[in-house]
Each structure stands twice: as C-alpha cells, then as structure tokens.
Amino acid sequence: MIFNGHTTQDIDALDEATMNEIMVMYADGALGNKSVVTGLGTLTAGVFNYLRTKDSQTYKLKDILGNVYQYYYNEPEVTASDSLLVFMSQAQGFSLDKFKR
C-alpha cells in the first residue's frame, strides 16, 4: 500500500476494521482476480460448449468454476421441494393451508 502513494502514517491512521477489509480484499483477490477467474471460466465454457456433441449437456460458468462460483456469486441453494412450492404457488386458488399437517 505504501507504493500506491500512501505513507506509513496513512496506514497507521486506518482503524482495525478498515485494515481487515483491505487485507481480506487482497487475500480473496477481490482487487482483480475475480475478473480474471470469471473471464477465463467463461472462455473455457465457450470452448467446451463448442467442442461438445449436440446431445450432451451445455457447460455453464458454474460448472467450470465449482466452489469458486459459489464464493463469488453467493447464490442460495434451492432444493427440489422449494422449486415445487414456488411452481405450485403460482396456480390459481393456491392455498398453503392445504399442505400443512
């Protein structure tokens, strides 16, 4: 950080919470690595989709990045029963009381 124009006094003046956030950003790669990882993952998925046979499943960025995708995008996991409930709740006259025991 000193080479970015900051002095030692500037760094000493930072509170602990701000310094922890900066350290986490550097450690997690939030300052540049996310775009590199997602860019390479997108290119890899594109090449794999180009080379795959017509009847095989398409590759998505989530398939290529694995756990890194969940870390960067933090999408909640949805179970099959949650998906079914959302689908059924769109039906006309749906009442959740019919499904409670």
N, C-alpha and C. Protein backbone atom coordinates (compact mmCIF):
# COMPACT_ATOMS: atom_id res chain seq x y z
N MET A 1 0.82 -1.19 0.00
CA MET A 1 0.00 0.00 0.00
C MET A 1 0.86 1.25 0.00
N ILE A 2 2.03 1.16 0.56
CA ILE A 2 2.89 2.34 0.62
C ILE A 2 3.28 2.77 -0.79
N PHE A 3 3.50 1.81 -1.69
CA PHE A 3 3.91 2.16 -3.04
C PHE A 3 2.77 2.76 -3.86
N ASN A 4 1.54 2.72 -3.37
CA ASN A 4 0.40 3.33 -4.05
C ASN A 4 0.23 4.80 -3.68
N GLY A 5 1.23 5.40 -3.05
CA GLY A 5 1.16 6.80 -2.70
C GLY A 5 0.82 7.05 -1.24
N HIS A 6 0.58 5.98 -0.49
CA HIS A 6 0.29 6.14 0.93
C HIS A 6 1.59 6.17 1.73
N THR A 7 1.54 6.88 2.80
CA THR A 7 2.69 6.91 3.69
C THR A 7 2.44 5.96 4.86
N THR A 8 3.46 5.72 5.62
CA THR A 8 3.32 4.88 6.81
C THR A 8 2.34 5.49 7.79
N GLN A 9 2.31 6.82 7.86
CA GLN A 9 1.38 7.49 8.76
C GLN A 9 -0.07 7.28 8.32
N ASP A 10 -0.32 7.27 6.99
CA ASP A 10 -1.68 7.00 6.48
C ASP A 10 -2.14 5.61 6.89
N ILE A 11 -1.27 4.65 6.79
CA ILE A 11 -1.62 3.27 7.12
C ILE A 11 -1.84 3.13 8.62
N ASP A 12 -1.01 3.80 9.42
CA ASP A 12 -1.18 3.76 10.87
C ASP A 12 -2.49 4.41 11.31
N ALA A 13 -3.00 5.35 10.53
CA ALA A 13 -4.23 6.05 10.88
C ALA A 13 -5.48 5.22 10.59
N LEU A 14 -5.35 4.15 9.80
CA LEU A 14 -6.52 3.32 9.49
C LEU A 14 -6.97 2.57 10.74
N ASP A 15 -8.28 2.49 10.91
CA ASP A 15 -8.79 1.71 12.04
C ASP A 15 -8.68 0.22 11.70
N GLU A 16 -8.86 -0.62 12.69
CA GLU A 16 -8.64 -2.05 12.53
C GLU A 16 -9.66 -2.68 11.57
N ALA A 17 -10.91 -2.23 11.62
CA ALA A 17 -11.94 -2.79 10.75
C ALA A 17 -11.63 -2.51 9.28
N THR A 18 -11.22 -1.29 8.98
CA THR A 18 -10.88 -0.95 7.59
C THR A 18 -9.67 -1.74 7.12
N MET A 19 -8.67 -1.86 7.98
CA MET A 19 -7.47 -2.62 7.61
C MET A 19 -7.81 -4.08 7.38
N ASN A 20 -8.69 -4.66 8.18
CA ASN A 20 -9.12 -6.05 7.97
C ASN A 20 -9.84 -6.21 6.64
N GLU A 21 -10.70 -5.26 6.29
CA GLU A 21 -11.39 -5.33 5.00
C GLU A 21 -10.41 -5.26 3.83
N ILE A 22 -9.41 -4.40 3.95
CA ILE A 22 -8.40 -4.29 2.89
C ILE A 22 -7.61 -5.59 2.77
N MET A 23 -7.25 -6.18 3.89
CA MET A 23 -6.50 -7.45 3.86
C MET A 23 -7.33 -8.56 3.25
N VAL A 24 -8.61 -8.61 3.58
CA VAL A 24 -9.48 -9.64 3.00
C VAL A 24 -9.62 -9.43 1.50
N MET A 25 -9.74 -8.19 1.06
CA MET A 25 -9.85 -7.93 -0.38
C MET A 25 -8.60 -8.39 -1.12
N TYR A 26 -7.44 -8.14 -0.56
CA TYR A 26 -6.21 -8.60 -1.19
C TYR A 26 -6.10 -10.13 -1.14
N ALA A 27 -6.43 -10.72 0.00
CA ALA A 27 -6.31 -12.18 0.15
C ALA A 27 -7.30 -12.92 -0.74
N ASP A 28 -8.52 -12.40 -0.87
CA ASP A 28 -9.56 -13.06 -1.66
C ASP A 28 -9.41 -12.77 -3.15
N GLY A 29 -8.60 -11.81 -3.49
CA GLY A 29 -8.44 -11.48 -4.90
C GLY A 29 -9.54 -10.58 -5.41
N ALA A 30 -10.23 -9.90 -4.50
CA ALA A 30 -11.31 -9.01 -4.93
C ALA A 30 -10.79 -7.84 -5.73
N LEU A 31 -9.51 -7.59 -5.64
CA LEU A 31 -8.92 -6.47 -6.36
C LEU A 31 -8.29 -6.94 -7.66
N GLY A 32 -9.04 -7.64 -8.48
CA GLY A 32 -8.56 -8.01 -9.80
C GLY A 32 -8.71 -9.46 -10.17
N ASN A 33 -8.57 -10.38 -9.24
CA ASN A 33 -8.61 -11.79 -9.59
C ASN A 33 -9.99 -12.29 -9.97
N LYS A 34 -11.04 -11.68 -9.44
CA LYS A 34 -12.39 -12.14 -9.78
C LYS A 34 -12.64 -12.00 -11.28
N SER A 35 -12.26 -10.87 -11.84
CA SER A 35 -12.49 -10.68 -13.27
C SER A 35 -11.64 -11.63 -14.10
N VAL A 36 -10.44 -11.94 -13.65
CA VAL A 36 -9.57 -12.89 -14.36
C VAL A 36 -10.18 -14.29 -14.31
N VAL A 37 -10.62 -14.71 -13.12
CA VAL A 37 -11.19 -16.05 -12.96
C VAL A 37 -12.48 -16.19 -13.76
N THR A 38 -13.37 -15.21 -13.68
CA THR A 38 -14.63 -15.32 -14.42
C THR A 38 -14.40 -15.21 -15.92
N GLY A 39 -13.42 -14.39 -16.33
CA GLY A 39 -13.11 -14.29 -17.76
C GLY A 39 -12.57 -15.58 -18.33
N LEU A 40 -11.62 -16.18 -17.62
CA LEU A 40 -11.07 -17.46 -18.08
C LEU A 40 -12.11 -18.57 -18.00
N GLY A 41 -12.96 -18.54 -16.97
CA GLY A 41 -14.02 -19.55 -16.85
C GLY A 41 -15.02 -19.44 -17.99
N THR A 42 -15.36 -18.21 -18.36
CA THR A 42 -16.29 -18.00 -19.47
C THR A 42 -15.69 -18.48 -20.78
N LEU A 43 -14.43 -18.17 -21.01
CA LEU A 43 -13.76 -18.65 -22.22
C LEU A 43 -13.68 -20.18 -22.26
N THR A 44 -13.36 -20.78 -21.11
CA THR A 44 -13.29 -22.24 -21.03
C THR A 44 -14.64 -22.87 -21.32
N ALA A 45 -15.69 -22.30 -20.74
CA ALA A 45 -17.03 -22.82 -21.00
C ALA A 45 -17.39 -22.69 -22.48
N GLY A 46 -17.00 -21.57 -23.08
CA GLY A 46 -17.27 -21.38 -24.51
C GLY A 46 -16.57 -22.41 -25.37
N VAL A 47 -15.30 -22.70 -25.06
CA VAL A 47 -14.55 -23.71 -25.83
C VAL A 47 -15.15 -25.09 -25.61
N PHE A 48 -15.46 -25.43 -24.37
CA PHE A 48 -16.07 -26.74 -24.09
C PHE A 48 -17.42 -26.89 -24.78
N ASN A 49 -18.21 -25.83 -24.80
CA ASN A 49 -19.51 -25.90 -25.48
C ASN A 49 -19.33 -26.02 -27.00
N TYR A 50 -18.30 -25.43 -27.53
CA TYR A 50 -18.02 -25.55 -28.96
C TYR A 50 -17.61 -26.97 -29.32
N LEU A 51 -16.86 -27.63 -28.44
CA LEU A 51 -16.34 -28.97 -28.72
C LEU A 51 -17.30 -30.10 -28.34
N ARG A 52 -18.31 -29.81 -27.56
CA ARG A 52 -19.21 -30.87 -27.08
C ARG A 52 -20.09 -31.38 -28.21
N THR A 53 -20.61 -32.60 -28.03
CA THR A 53 -21.55 -33.14 -29.01
C THR A 53 -22.91 -32.49 -28.82
N LYS A 54 -23.73 -32.56 -29.84
CA LYS A 54 -25.03 -31.88 -29.82
C LYS A 54 -25.97 -32.40 -28.74
N ASP A 55 -25.87 -33.68 -28.42
CA ASP A 55 -26.81 -34.25 -27.46
C ASP A 55 -26.30 -34.21 -26.01
N SER A 56 -25.13 -33.62 -25.77
CA SER A 56 -24.61 -33.53 -24.40
C SER A 56 -25.04 -32.21 -23.76
N GLN A 57 -24.97 -32.18 -22.45
CA GLN A 57 -25.39 -31.01 -21.70
C GLN A 57 -24.40 -29.86 -21.88
N THR A 58 -24.92 -28.63 -21.90
CA THR A 58 -24.05 -27.47 -22.07
C THR A 58 -23.29 -27.18 -20.77
N TYR A 59 -22.13 -26.59 -20.93
CA TYR A 59 -21.32 -26.18 -19.78
C TYR A 59 -21.70 -24.75 -19.40
N LYS A 60 -21.78 -24.51 -18.11
CA LYS A 60 -22.05 -23.18 -17.59
C LYS A 60 -20.86 -22.73 -16.76
N LEU A 61 -20.79 -21.43 -16.50
CA LEU A 61 -19.70 -20.90 -15.69
C LEU A 61 -19.67 -21.57 -14.32
N LYS A 62 -20.83 -21.88 -13.80
CA LYS A 62 -20.92 -22.55 -12.50
C LYS A 62 -20.26 -23.93 -12.54
N ASP A 63 -20.39 -24.63 -13.66
CA ASP A 63 -19.76 -25.95 -13.81
C ASP A 63 -18.24 -25.84 -13.87
N ILE A 64 -17.75 -24.81 -14.50
CA ILE A 64 -16.31 -24.64 -14.68
C ILE A 64 -15.64 -24.19 -13.38
N LEU A 65 -16.24 -23.21 -12.69
CA LEU A 65 -15.61 -22.64 -11.50
C LEU A 65 -15.84 -23.45 -10.23
N GLY A 66 -16.90 -24.21 -10.16
CA GLY A 66 -17.16 -25.03 -8.98
C GLY A 66 -17.41 -24.19 -7.74
N ASN A 67 -16.66 -24.46 -6.67
CA ASN A 67 -16.85 -23.76 -5.40
C ASN A 67 -16.49 -22.28 -5.48
N VAL A 68 -15.63 -21.93 -6.39
CA VAL A 68 -15.25 -20.52 -6.54
C VAL A 68 -16.47 -19.71 -7.00
N TYR A 69 -17.31 -20.31 -7.83
CA TYR A 69 -18.53 -19.63 -8.29
C TYR A 69 -19.43 -19.30 -7.11
N GLN A 70 -19.63 -20.26 -6.23
CA GLN A 70 -20.48 -20.03 -5.06
C GLN A 70 -19.88 -18.95 -4.17
N TYR A 71 -18.57 -18.89 -4.07
CA TYR A 71 -17.92 -17.87 -3.24
C TYR A 71 -18.11 -16.48 -3.83
N TYR A 72 -17.94 -16.34 -5.14
CA TYR A 72 -18.06 -15.03 -5.77
C TYR A 72 -19.50 -14.56 -5.88
N TYR A 73 -20.42 -15.44 -6.25
CA TYR A 73 -21.79 -15.03 -6.54
C TYR A 73 -22.77 -15.32 -5.41
N ASN A 74 -22.44 -16.22 -4.50
CA ASN A 74 -23.21 -16.50 -3.29
C ASN A 74 -24.71 -16.65 -3.56
N GLU A 75 -25.06 -17.52 -4.50
CA GLU A 75 -26.46 -17.80 -4.79
C GLU A 75 -26.98 -18.79 -3.76
N PRO A 76 -28.18 -18.57 -3.25
CA PRO A 76 -28.73 -19.53 -2.29
C PRO A 76 -29.07 -20.84 -3.00
N GLU A 77 -28.81 -21.94 -2.31
CA GLU A 77 -29.13 -23.24 -2.89
C GLU A 77 -30.62 -23.50 -2.73
N VAL A 78 -31.25 -23.95 -3.81
CA VAL A 78 -32.68 -24.21 -3.82
C VAL A 78 -32.89 -25.70 -3.95
N THR A 79 -33.69 -26.27 -3.07
CA THR A 79 -33.99 -27.69 -3.14
C THR A 79 -35.15 -27.93 -4.10
N ALA A 80 -35.35 -29.18 -4.46
CA ALA A 80 -36.43 -29.53 -5.37
C ALA A 80 -37.79 -29.20 -4.75
N SER A 81 -37.94 -29.39 -3.45
CA SER A 81 -39.22 -29.10 -2.82
C SER A 81 -39.50 -27.60 -2.82
N ASP A 82 -38.46 -26.77 -2.68
CA ASP A 82 -38.65 -25.32 -2.77
C ASP A 82 -39.10 -24.91 -4.16
N SER A 83 -38.49 -25.52 -5.18
CA SER A 83 -38.87 -25.21 -6.56
C SER A 83 -40.30 -25.63 -6.83
N LEU A 84 -40.70 -26.78 -6.32
CA LEU A 84 -42.07 -27.25 -6.50
C LEU A 84 -43.06 -26.33 -5.81
N LEU A 85 -42.72 -25.88 -4.61
CA LEU A 85 -43.60 -24.97 -3.88
C LEU A 85 -43.78 -23.66 -4.63
N VAL A 86 -42.71 -23.12 -5.19
CA VAL A 86 -42.80 -21.88 -5.96
C VAL A 86 -43.67 -22.10 -7.19
N PHE A 87 -43.51 -23.23 -7.86
CA PHE A 87 -44.30 -23.54 -9.04
C PHE A 87 -45.78 -23.66 -8.69
N MET A 88 -46.07 -24.39 -7.62
CA MET A 88 -47.47 -24.61 -7.24
C MET A 88 -48.12 -23.35 -6.69
N SER A 89 -47.34 -22.47 -6.08
CA SER A 89 -47.92 -21.25 -5.52
C SER A 89 -48.42 -20.30 -6.60
N GLN A 90 -48.03 -20.52 -7.84
CA GLN A 90 -48.49 -19.68 -8.93
C GLN A 90 -49.83 -20.13 -9.49
N ALA A 91 -50.32 -21.28 -9.04
CA ALA A 91 -51.60 -21.80 -9.52
C ALA A 91 -52.75 -20.96 -8.97
N GLN A 92 -53.79 -20.87 -9.76
CA GLN A 92 -54.96 -20.10 -9.35
C GLN A 92 -55.63 -20.78 -8.15
N GLY A 93 -55.92 -20.03 -7.12
CA GLY A 93 -56.58 -20.56 -5.94
C GLY A 93 -55.66 -21.34 -5.01
N PHE A 94 -54.37 -21.17 -5.14
CA PHE A 94 -53.42 -21.89 -4.29
C PHE A 94 -53.55 -21.43 -2.85
N SER A 95 -53.54 -22.37 -1.94
CA SER A 95 -53.57 -22.06 -0.52
C SER A 95 -52.57 -22.96 0.19
N LEU A 96 -51.65 -22.37 0.92
CA LEU A 96 -50.64 -23.13 1.63
C LEU A 96 -51.27 -23.94 2.77
N ASP A 97 -52.45 -23.53 3.23
CA ASP A 97 -53.13 -24.25 4.32
C ASP A 97 -53.47 -25.68 3.93
N LYS A 98 -53.67 -25.95 2.65
CA LYS A 98 -54.00 -27.31 2.21
C LYS A 98 -52.82 -28.27 2.38
N PHE A 99 -51.62 -27.73 2.48
CA PHE A 99 -50.44 -28.57 2.53
C PHE A 99 -49.86 -28.69 3.93
N LYS A 100 -50.43 -27.98 4.90
CA LYS A 100 -49.94 -28.07 6.27
C LYS A 100 -50.59 -29.23 6.96
N ARG A 101 -49.82 -29.87 7.86
CA ARG A 101 -50.36 -31.02 8.59
C ARG A 101 -50.82 -30.62 9.95
